[in-house]
Amino acid sequence: DFADAGADIITFHTEADSDIGKTVDK
């Protein structure tokens, strides 16, 4: 959603629930 919206950099938190490695790769 955010890539489609035009994000150039996407930052997320290590404390979030998603798998960090998979999210970075995505």
mmCIF file of all heavy atoms, coordinates in Angstrom:
data_MODEL
# 
_entry.id   MODEL 
# 
loop_
_atom_site.group_PDB 
_atom_site.id 
_atom_site.type_symbol 
_atom_site.label_atom_id 
_atom_site.label_alt_id 
_atom_site.label_comp_id 
_atom_site.label_asym_id 
_atom_site.label_entity_id 
_atom_site.label_seq_id 
_atom_site.pdbx_PDB_ins_code 
_atom_site.Cartn_x 
_atom_site.Cartn_y 
_atom_site.Cartn_z 
_atom_site.occupancy 
_atom_site.B_iso_or_equiv 
_atom_site.pdbx_formal_charge 
_atom_site.auth_seq_id 
_atom_site.auth_comp_id 
_atom_site.auth_asym_id 
_atom_site.auth_atom_id 
_atom_site.pdbx_PDB_model_num 
ATOM 1   N N   . ASP A 1 1  ? 0.828  -1.209  0.000  1.00 0.00 ? 1  ASP A N   1 
ATOM 2   C CA  . ASP A 1 1  ? 0.000  0.000   0.000  1.00 0.00 ? 1  ASP A CA  1 
ATOM 3   C C   . ASP A 1 1  ? 0.860  1.256   0.000  1.00 0.00 ? 1  ASP A C   1 
ATOM 4   O O   . ASP A 1 1  ? 0.589  2.209   -0.757 1.00 0.00 ? 1  ASP A O   1 
ATOM 5   C CB  . ASP A 1 1  ? -0.921 0.017   1.223  1.00 0.00 ? 1  ASP A CB  1 
ATOM 6   C CG  . ASP A 1 1  ? -2.015 -1.029  1.155  1.00 0.00 ? 1  ASP A CG  1 
ATOM 7   O OD1 . ASP A 1 1  ? -2.296 -1.524  0.045  1.00 0.00 ? 1  ASP A OD1 1 
ATOM 8   O OD2 . ASP A 1 1  ? -2.579 -1.351  2.216  1.00 0.00 ? 1  ASP A OD2 1 
ATOM 9   N N   . PHE A 1 2  ? 1.888  1.270   0.836  1.00 0.00 ? 2  PHE A N   1 
ATOM 10  C CA  . PHE A 1 2  ? 2.697  2.483   0.948  1.00 0.00 ? 2  PHE A CA  1 
ATOM 11  C C   . PHE A 1 2  ? 3.679  2.617   -0.218 1.00 0.00 ? 2  PHE A C   1 
ATOM 12  O O   . PHE A 1 2  ? 3.990  3.738   -0.639 1.00 0.00 ? 2  PHE A O   1 
ATOM 13  C CB  . PHE A 1 2  ? 3.398  2.527   2.300  1.00 0.00 ? 2  PHE A CB  1 
ATOM 14  C CG  . PHE A 1 2  ? 2.429  2.789   3.418  1.00 0.00 ? 2  PHE A CG  1 
ATOM 15  C CD1 . PHE A 1 2  ? 2.002  1.762   4.244  1.00 0.00 ? 2  PHE A CD1 1 
ATOM 16  C CD2 . PHE A 1 2  ? 1.902  4.054   3.609  1.00 0.00 ? 2  PHE A CD2 1 
ATOM 17  C CE1 . PHE A 1 2  ? 1.078  1.988   5.250  1.00 0.00 ? 2  PHE A CE1 1 
ATOM 18  C CE2 . PHE A 1 2  ? 0.972  4.298   4.609  1.00 0.00 ? 2  PHE A CE2 1 
ATOM 19  C CZ  . PHE A 1 2  ? 0.553  3.269   5.437  1.00 0.00 ? 2  PHE A CZ  1 
ATOM 20  N N   . ALA A 1 3  ? 4.138  1.507   -0.749 1.00 0.00 ? 3  ALA A N   1 
ATOM 21  C CA  . ALA A 1 3  ? 4.966  1.573   -1.958 1.00 0.00 ? 3  ALA A CA  1 
ATOM 22  C C   . ALA A 1 3  ? 4.143  2.113   -3.124 1.00 0.00 ? 3  ALA A C   1 
ATOM 23  O O   . ALA A 1 3  ? 4.602  2.983   -3.880 1.00 0.00 ? 3  ALA A O   1 
ATOM 24  C CB  . ALA A 1 3  ? 5.526  0.189   -2.285 1.00 0.00 ? 3  ALA A CB  1 
ATOM 25  N N   . ASP A 1 4  ? 2.913  1.630   -3.250 1.00 0.00 ? 4  ASP A N   1 
ATOM 26  C CA  . ASP A 1 4  ? 2.032  2.120   -4.319 1.00 0.00 ? 4  ASP A CA  1 
ATOM 27  C C   . ASP A 1 4  ? 1.695  3.596   -4.135 1.00 0.00 ? 4  ASP A C   1 
ATOM 28  O O   . ASP A 1 4  ? 1.474  4.320   -5.113 1.00 0.00 ? 4  ASP A O   1 
ATOM 29  C CB  . ASP A 1 4  ? 0.733  1.307   -4.347 1.00 0.00 ? 4  ASP A CB  1 
ATOM 30  C CG  . ASP A 1 4  ? 0.934  -0.123  -4.829 1.00 0.00 ? 4  ASP A CG  1 
ATOM 31  O OD1 . ASP A 1 4  ? 1.980  -0.402  -5.455 1.00 0.00 ? 4  ASP A OD1 1 
ATOM 32  O OD2 . ASP A 1 4  ? 0.054  -0.971  -4.556 1.00 0.00 ? 4  ASP A OD2 1 
ATOM 33  N N   . ALA A 1 5  ? 1.652  4.050   -2.884 1.00 0.00 ? 5  ALA A N   1 
ATOM 34  C CA  . ALA A 1 5  ? 1.310  5.446   -2.592 1.00 0.00 ? 5  ALA A CA  1 
ATOM 35  C C   . ALA A 1 5  ? 2.444  6.407   -2.914 1.00 0.00 ? 5  ALA A C   1 
ATOM 36  O O   . ALA A 1 5  ? 2.225  7.616   -2.987 1.00 0.00 ? 5  ALA A O   1 
ATOM 37  C CB  . ALA A 1 5  ? 0.916  5.587   -1.131 1.00 0.00 ? 5  ALA A CB  1 
ATOM 38  N N   . GLY A 1 6  ? 3.664  5.870   -3.093 1.00 0.00 ? 6  GLY A N   1 
ATOM 39  C CA  . GLY A 1 6  ? 4.783  6.729   -3.466 1.00 0.00 ? 6  GLY A CA  1 
ATOM 40  C C   . GLY A 1 6  ? 5.888  6.850   -2.450 1.00 0.00 ? 6  GLY A C   1 
ATOM 41  O O   . GLY A 1 6  ? 6.749  7.734   -2.554 1.00 0.00 ? 6  GLY A O   1 
ATOM 42  N N   . ALA A 1 7  ? 5.914  5.964   -1.457 1.00 0.00 ? 7  ALA A N   1 
ATOM 43  C CA  . ALA A 1 7  ? 7.003  5.999   -0.476 1.00 0.00 ? 7  ALA A CA  1 
ATOM 44  C C   . ALA A 1 7  ? 8.338  5.731   -1.156 1.00 0.00 ? 7  ALA A C   1 
ATOM 45  O O   . ALA A 1 7  ? 8.442  4.841   -2.006 1.00 0.00 ? 7  ALA A O   1 
ATOM 46  C CB  . ALA A 1 7  ? 6.762  4.965   0.615  1.00 0.00 ? 7  ALA A CB  1 
ATOM 47  N N   . ASP A 1 8  ? 9.350  6.485   -0.803 1.00 0.00 ? 8  ASP A N   1 
ATOM 48  C CA  . ASP A 1 8  ? 10.708 6.243   -1.303 1.00 0.00 ? 8  ASP A CA  1 
ATOM 49  C C   . ASP A 1 8  ? 11.537 5.485   -0.271 1.00 0.00 ? 8  ASP A C   1 
ATOM 50  O O   . ASP A 1 8  ? 12.343 4.630   -0.622 1.00 0.00 ? 8  ASP A O   1 
ATOM 51  C CB  . ASP A 1 8  ? 11.376 7.583   -1.635 1.00 0.00 ? 8  ASP A CB  1 
ATOM 52  C CG  . ASP A 1 8  ? 10.658 8.302   -2.759 1.00 0.00 ? 8  ASP A CG  1 
ATOM 53  O OD1 . ASP A 1 8  ? 10.869 7.928   -3.918 1.00 0.00 ? 8  ASP A OD1 1 
ATOM 54  O OD2 . ASP A 1 8  ? 9.853  9.219   -2.474 1.00 0.00 ? 8  ASP A OD2 1 
ATOM 55  N N   . ILE A 1 9  ? 11.348 5.838   0.991  1.00 0.00 ? 9  ILE A N   1 
ATOM 56  C CA  . ILE A 1 9  ? 11.967 5.136   2.117  1.00 0.00 ? 9  ILE A CA  1 
ATOM 57  C C   . ILE A 1 9  ? 10.831 4.656   3.016  1.00 0.00 ? 9  ILE A C   1 
ATOM 58  O O   . ILE A 1 9  ? 9.904  5.414   3.303  1.00 0.00 ? 9  ILE A O   1 
ATOM 59  C CB  . ILE A 1 9  ? 12.881 6.067   2.939  1.00 0.00 ? 9  ILE A CB  1 
ATOM 60  C CG1 . ILE A 1 9  ? 13.955 6.704   2.055  1.00 0.00 ? 9  ILE A CG1 1 
ATOM 61  C CG2 . ILE A 1 9  ? 13.534 5.314   4.102  1.00 0.00 ? 9  ILE A CG2 1 
ATOM 62  C CD1 . ILE A 1 9  ? 14.677 7.866   2.731  1.00 0.00 ? 9  ILE A CD1 1 
ATOM 63  N N   . ILE A 1 10 ? 10.895 3.401   3.436  1.00 0.00 ? 10 ILE A N   1 
ATOM 64  C CA  . ILE A 1 10 ? 9.904  2.892   4.382  1.00 0.00 ? 10 ILE A CA  1 
ATOM 65  C C   . ILE A 1 10 ? 10.634 2.428   5.630  1.00 0.00 ? 10 ILE A C   1 
ATOM 66  O O   . ILE A 1 10 ? 11.482 1.534   5.575  1.00 0.00 ? 10 ILE A O   1 
ATOM 67  C CB  . ILE A 1 10 ? 9.061  1.748   3.798  1.00 0.00 ? 10 ILE A CB  1 
ATOM 68  C CG1 . ILE A 1 10 ? 8.268  2.243   2.580  1.00 0.00 ? 10 ILE A CG1 1 
ATOM 69  C CG2 . ILE A 1 10 ? 8.110  1.194   4.855  1.00 0.00 ? 10 ILE A CG2 1 
ATOM 70  C CD1 . ILE A 1 10 ? 7.410  1.174   1.919  1.00 0.00 ? 10 ILE A CD1 1 
ATOM 71  N N   . THR A 1 11 ? 10.311 3.065   6.741  1.00 0.00 ? 11 THR A N   1 
ATOM 72  C CA  . THR A 1 11 ? 10.888 2.735   8.041  1.00 0.00 ? 11 THR A CA  1 
ATOM 73  C C   . THR A 1 11 ? 9.844  2.037   8.888  1.00 0.00 ? 11 THR A C   1 
ATOM 74  O O   . THR A 1 11 ? 8.701  2.489   8.958  1.00 0.00 ? 11 THR A O   1 
ATOM 75  C CB  . THR A 1 11 ? 11.345 4.013   8.766  1.00 0.00 ? 11 THR A CB  1 
ATOM 76  O OG1 . THR A 1 11 ? 12.262 4.737   7.942  1.00 0.00 ? 11 THR A OG1 1 
ATOM 77  C CG2 . THR A 1 11 ? 12.009 3.679   10.100 1.00 0.00 ? 11 THR A CG2 1 
ATOM 78  N N   . PHE A 1 12 ? 10.226 0.945   9.527  1.00 0.00 ? 12 PHE A N   1 
ATOM 79  C CA  . PHE A 1 12 ? 9.329  0.298   10.474 1.00 0.00 ? 12 PHE A CA  1 
ATOM 80  C C   . PHE A 1 12 ? 10.117 -0.052  11.722 1.00 0.00 ? 12 PHE A C   1 
ATOM 81  O O   . PHE A 1 12 ? 11.349 0.032   11.743 1.00 0.00 ? 12 PHE A O   1 
ATOM 82  C CB  . PHE A 1 12 ? 8.655  -0.942  9.863  1.00 0.00 ? 12 PHE A CB  1 
ATOM 83  C CG  . PHE A 1 12 ? 9.586  -2.101  9.603  1.00 0.00 ? 12 PHE A CG  1 
ATOM 84  C CD1 . PHE A 1 12 ? 9.652  -3.174  10.481 1.00 0.00 ? 12 PHE A CD1 1 
ATOM 85  C CD2 . PHE A 1 12 ? 10.404 -2.128  8.472  1.00 0.00 ? 12 PHE A CD2 1 
ATOM 86  C CE1 . PHE A 1 12 ? 10.501 -4.249  10.251 1.00 0.00 ? 12 PHE A CE1 1 
ATOM 87  C CE2 . PHE A 1 12 ? 11.257 -3.192  8.230  1.00 0.00 ? 12 PHE A CE2 1 
ATOM 88  C CZ  . PHE A 1 12 ? 11.310 -4.264  9.121  1.00 0.00 ? 12 PHE A CZ  1 
ATOM 89  N N   . HIS A 1 13 ? 9.412  -0.465  12.770 1.00 0.00 ? 13 HIS A N   1 
ATOM 90  C CA  . HIS A 1 13 ? 10.039 -0.650  14.074 1.00 0.00 ? 13 HIS A CA  1 
ATOM 91  C C   . HIS A 1 13 ? 10.443 -2.094  14.340 1.00 0.00 ? 13 HIS A C   1 
ATOM 92  O O   . HIS A 1 13 ? 9.693  -3.028  14.031 1.00 0.00 ? 13 HIS A O   1 
ATOM 93  C CB  . HIS A 1 13 ? 9.093  -0.175  15.185 1.00 0.00 ? 13 HIS A CB  1 
ATOM 94  C CG  . HIS A 1 13 ? 9.160  1.298   15.405 1.00 0.00 ? 13 HIS A CG  1 
ATOM 95  N ND1 . HIS A 1 13 ? 9.893  1.863   16.437 1.00 0.00 ? 13 HIS A ND1 1 
ATOM 96  C CD2 . HIS A 1 13 ? 8.629  2.333   14.707 1.00 0.00 ? 13 HIS A CD2 1 
ATOM 97  C CE1 . HIS A 1 13 ? 9.788  3.181   16.374 1.00 0.00 ? 13 HIS A CE1 1 
ATOM 98  N NE2 . HIS A 1 13 ? 9.025  3.490   15.344 1.00 0.00 ? 13 HIS A NE2 1 
ATOM 99  N N   . THR A 1 14 ? 11.605 -2.252  14.964 1.00 0.00 ? 14 THR A N   1 
ATOM 100 C CA  . THR A 1 14 ? 12.028 -3.583  15.394 1.00 0.00 ? 14 THR A CA  1 
ATOM 101 C C   . THR A 1 14 ? 11.047 -4.160  16.405 1.00 0.00 ? 14 THR A C   1 
ATOM 102 O O   . THR A 1 14 ? 10.931 -5.382  16.530 1.00 0.00 ? 14 THR A O   1 
ATOM 103 C CB  . THR A 1 14 ? 13.425 -3.530  16.048 1.00 0.00 ? 14 THR A CB  1 
ATOM 104 O OG1 . THR A 1 14 ? 13.383 -2.644  17.180 1.00 0.00 ? 14 THR A OG1 1 
ATOM 105 C CG2 . THR A 1 14 ? 14.482 -3.052  15.068 1.00 0.00 ? 14 THR A CG2 1 
ATOM 106 N N   . GLU A 1 15 ? 10.319 -3.299  17.104 1.00 0.00 ? 15 GLU A N   1 
ATOM 107 C CA  . GLU A 1 15 ? 9.387  -3.749  18.138 1.00 0.00 ? 15 GLU A CA  1 
ATOM 108 C C   . GLU A 1 15 ? 8.032  -4.174  17.573 1.00 0.00 ? 15 GLU A C   1 
ATOM 109 O O   . GLU A 1 15 ? 7.172  -4.649  18.318 1.00 0.00 ? 15 GLU A O   1 
ATOM 110 C CB  . GLU A 1 15 ? 9.166  -2.632  19.165 1.00 0.00 ? 15 GLU A CB  1 
ATOM 111 C CG  . GLU A 1 15 ? 10.444 -2.096  19.797 1.00 0.00 ? 15 GLU A CG  1 
ATOM 112 C CD  . GLU A 1 15 ? 11.015 -0.899  19.032 1.00 0.00 ? 15 GLU A CD  1 
ATOM 113 O OE1 . GLU A 1 15 ? 10.484 -0.563  17.941 1.00 0.00 ? 15 GLU A OE1 1 
ATOM 114 O OE2 . GLU A 1 15 ? 11.984 -0.309  19.532 1.00 0.00 ? 15 GLU A OE2 1 
ATOM 115 N N   . ALA A 1 16 ? 7.804  -3.989  16.264 1.00 0.00 ? 16 ALA A N   1 
ATOM 116 C CA  . ALA A 1 16 ? 6.528  -4.367  15.652 1.00 0.00 ? 16 ALA A CA  1 
ATOM 117 C C   . ALA A 1 16 ? 6.393  -5.892  15.596 1.00 0.00 ? 16 ALA A C   1 
ATOM 118 O O   . ALA A 1 16 ? 7.346  -6.635  15.865 1.00 0.00 ? 16 ALA A O   1 
ATOM 119 C CB  . ALA A 1 16 ? 6.421  -3.762  14.255 1.00 0.00 ? 16 ALA A CB  1 
ATOM 120 N N   . ASP A 1 17 ? 5.207  -6.357  15.223 1.00 0.00 ? 17 ASP A N   1 
ATOM 121 C CA  . ASP A 1 17 ? 4.915  -7.795  15.249 1.00 0.00 ? 17 ASP A CA  1 
ATOM 122 C C   . ASP A 1 17 ? 5.366  -8.547  14.003 1.00 0.00 ? 17 ASP A C   1 
ATOM 123 O O   . ASP A 1 17 ? 5.520  -9.771  14.041 1.00 0.00 ? 17 ASP A O   1 
ATOM 124 C CB  . ASP A 1 17 ? 3.405  -8.008  15.442 1.00 0.00 ? 17 ASP A CB  1 
ATOM 125 C CG  . ASP A 1 17 ? 2.918  -7.496  16.786 1.00 0.00 ? 17 ASP A CG  1 
ATOM 126 O OD1 . ASP A 1 17 ? 3.730  -7.469  17.739 1.00 0.00 ? 17 ASP A OD1 1 
ATOM 127 O OD2 . ASP A 1 17 ? 1.735  -7.116  16.876 1.00 0.00 ? 17 ASP A OD2 1 
ATOM 128 N N   . SER A 1 18 ? 5.547  -7.865  12.881 1.00 0.00 ? 18 SER A N   1 
ATOM 129 C CA  . SER A 1 18 ? 5.939  -8.537  11.645 1.00 0.00 ? 18 SER A CA  1 
ATOM 130 C C   . SER A 1 18 ? 7.366  -9.055  11.709 1.00 0.00 ? 18 SER A C   1 
ATOM 131 O O   . SER A 1 18 ? 8.217  -8.476  12.392 1.00 0.00 ? 18 SER A O   1 
ATOM 132 C CB  . SER A 1 18 ? 5.803  -7.579  10.456 1.00 0.00 ? 18 SER A CB  1 
ATOM 133 O OG  . SER A 1 18 ? 4.463  -7.189  10.254 1.00 0.00 ? 18 SER A OG  1 
ATOM 134 N N   . ASP A 1 19 ? 7.630  -10.132 10.980 1.00 0.00 ? 19 ASP A N   1 
ATOM 135 C CA  . ASP A 1 19 ? 8.986  -10.655 10.863 1.00 0.00 ? 19 ASP A CA  1 
ATOM 136 C C   . ASP A 1 19 ? 9.886  -9.573  10.244 1.00 0.00 ? 19 ASP A C   1 
ATOM 137 O O   . ASP A 1 19 ? 9.596  -9.069  9.151  1.00 0.00 ? 19 ASP A O   1 
ATOM 138 C CB  . ASP A 1 19 ? 8.984  -11.912 9.997  1.00 0.00 ? 19 ASP A CB  1 
ATOM 139 C CG  . ASP A 1 19 ? 10.354 -12.520 9.843  1.00 0.00 ? 19 ASP A CG  1 
ATOM 140 O OD1 . ASP A 1 19 ? 11.103 -12.088 8.934  1.00 0.00 ? 19 ASP A OD1 1 
ATOM 141 O OD2 . ASP A 1 19 ? 10.698 -13.422 10.632 1.00 0.00 ? 19 ASP A OD2 1 
ATOM 142 N N   . ILE A 1 20 ? 10.968 -9.230  10.927 1.00 0.00 ? 20 ILE A N   1 
ATOM 143 C CA  . ILE A 1 20 ? 11.807 -8.116  10.474 1.00 0.00 ? 20 ILE A CA  1 
ATOM 144 C C   . ILE A 1 20 ? 12.453 -8.414  9.129  1.00 0.00 ? 20 ILE A C   1 
ATOM 145 O O   . ILE A 1 20 ? 12.398 -7.597  8.199  1.00 0.00 ? 20 ILE A O   1 
ATOM 146 C CB  . ILE A 1 20 ? 12.878 -7.782  11.531 1.00 0.00 ? 20 ILE A CB  1 
ATOM 147 C CG1 . ILE A 1 20 ? 12.217 -7.282  12.812 1.00 0.00 ? 20 ILE A CG1 1 
ATOM 148 C CG2 . ILE A 1 20 ? 13.855 -6.725  10.993 1.00 0.00 ? 20 ILE A CG2 1 
ATOM 149 C CD1 . ILE A 1 20 ? 13.185 -7.031  13.953 1.00 0.00 ? 20 ILE A CD1 1 
ATOM 150 N N   . GLY A 1 21 ? 13.060 -9.588  8.994  1.00 0.00 ? 21 GLY A N   1 
ATOM 151 C CA  . GLY A 1 21 ? 13.744 -9.923  7.751  1.00 0.00 ? 21 GLY A CA  1 
ATOM 152 C C   . GLY A 1 21 ? 12.811 -9.940  6.553  1.00 0.00 ? 21 GLY A C   1 
ATOM 153 O O   . GLY A 1 21 ? 13.139 -9.404  5.480  1.00 0.00 ? 21 GLY A O   1 
ATOM 154 N N   . LYS A 1 22 ? 11.635 -10.527 6.720  1.00 0.00 ? 22 LYS A N   1 
ATOM 155 C CA  . LYS A 1 22 ? 10.664 -10.585 5.622  1.00 0.00 ? 22 LYS A CA  1 
ATOM 156 C C   . LYS A 1 22 ? 10.173 -9.189  5.250  1.00 0.00 ? 22 LYS A C   1 
ATOM 157 O O   . LYS A 1 22 ? 9.956  -8.880  4.072  1.00 0.00 ? 22 LYS A O   1 
ATOM 158 C CB  . LYS A 1 22 ? 9.485  -11.468 6.011  1.00 0.00 ? 22 LYS A CB  1 
ATOM 159 C CG  . LYS A 1 22 ? 9.808  -12.959 6.091  1.00 0.00 ? 22 LYS A CG  1 
ATOM 160 C CD  . LYS A 1 22 ? 8.575  -13.760 6.487  1.00 0.00 ? 22 LYS A CD  1 
ATOM 161 C CE  . LYS A 1 22 ? 8.900  -15.248 6.573  1.00 0.00 ? 22 LYS A CE  1 
ATOM 162 N NZ  . LYS A 1 22 ? 7.712  -16.047 7.001  1.00 0.00 ? 22 LYS A NZ  1 
ATOM 163 N N   . THR A 1 23 ? 10.010 -8.346  6.254  1.00 0.00 ? 23 THR A N   1 
ATOM 164 C CA  . THR A 1 23 ? 9.522  -6.988  5.986  1.00 0.00 ? 23 THR A CA  1 
ATOM 165 C C   . THR A 1 23 ? 10.581 -6.177  5.254  1.00 0.00 ? 23 THR A C   1 
ATOM 166 O O   . THR A 1 23 ? 10.267 -5.451  4.299  1.00 0.00 ? 23 THR A O   1 
ATOM 167 C CB  . THR A 1 23 ? 9.109  -6.301  7.294  1.00 0.00 ? 23 THR A CB  1 
ATOM 168 O OG1 . THR A 1 23 ? 8.183  -7.139  7.998  1.00 0.00 ? 23 THR A OG1 1 
ATOM 169 C CG2 . THR A 1 23 ? 8.441  -4.968  7.015  1.00 0.00 ? 23 THR A CG2 1 
ATOM 170 N N   . VAL A 1 24 ? 11.830 -6.288  5.679  1.00 0.00 ? 24 VAL A N   1 
ATOM 171 C CA  . VAL A 1 24 ? 12.924 -5.607  4.975  1.00 0.00 ? 24 VAL A CA  1 
ATOM 172 C C   . VAL A 1 24 ? 12.980 -6.050  3.526  1.00 0.00 ? 24 VAL A C   1 
ATOM 173 O O   . VAL A 1 24 ? 13.061 -5.232  2.595  1.00 0.00 ? 24 VAL A O   1 
ATOM 174 C CB  . VAL A 1 24 ? 14.275 -5.862  5.681  1.00 0.00 ? 24 VAL A CB  1 
ATOM 175 C CG1 . VAL A 1 24 ? 15.439 -5.402  4.804  1.00 0.00 ? 24 VAL A CG1 1 
ATOM 176 C CG2 . VAL A 1 24 ? 14.323 -5.158  7.029  1.00 0.00 ? 24 VAL A CG2 1 
ATOM 177 N N   . ASP A 1 25 ? 12.919 -7.364  3.302  1.00 0.00 ? 25 ASP A N   1 
ATOM 178 C CA  . ASP A 1 25 ? 12.986 -7.894  1.939  1.00 0.00 ? 25 ASP A CA  1 
ATOM 179 C C   . ASP A 1 25 ? 11.816 -7.422  1.087  1.00 0.00 ? 25 ASP A C   1 
ATOM 180 O O   . ASP A 1 25 ? 11.968 -7.137  -0.109 1.00 0.00 ? 25 ASP A O   1 
ATOM 181 C CB  . ASP A 1 25 ? 13.017 -9.424  1.967  1.00 0.00 ? 25 ASP A CB  1 
ATOM 182 C CG  . ASP A 1 25 ? 14.341 -9.974  2.478  1.00 0.00 ? 25 ASP A CG  1 
ATOM 183 O OD1 . ASP A 1 25 ? 15.342 -9.222  2.487  1.00 0.00 ? 25 ASP A OD1 1 
ATOM 184 O OD2 . ASP A 1 25 ? 14.375 -11.158 2.881  1.00 0.00 ? 25 ASP A OD2 1 
ATOM 185 N N   . LYS A 1 26 ? 10.636 -7.334  1.691  1.00 0.00 ? 26 LYS A N   1 
ATOM 186 C CA  . LYS A 1 26 ? 9.452  -6.880  0.958  1.00 0.00 ? 26 LYS A CA  1 
ATOM 187 C C   . LYS A 1 26 ? 9.611  -5.431  0.529  1.00 0.00 ? 26 LYS A C   1 
ATOM 188 O O   . LYS A 1 26 ? 9.279  -5.068  -0.611 1.00 0.00 ? 26 LYS A O   1 
ATOM 189 C CB  . LYS A 1 26 ? 8.215  -7.035  1.848  1.00 0.00 ? 26 LYS A CB  1 
ATOM 190 C CG  . LYS A 1 26 ? 6.912  -6.570  1.200  1.00 0.00 ? 26 LYS A CG  1 
ATOM 191 C CD  . LYS A 1 26 ? 6.519  -7.459  0.031  1.00 0.00 ? 26 LYS A CD  1 
ATOM 192 C CE  . LYS A 1 26 ? 5.142  -7.084  -0.501 1.00 0.00 ? 26 LYS A CE  1 
ATOM 193 N NZ  . LYS A 1 26 ? 4.738  -7.932  -1.633 1.00 0.00 ? 26 LYS A NZ  1 
# 
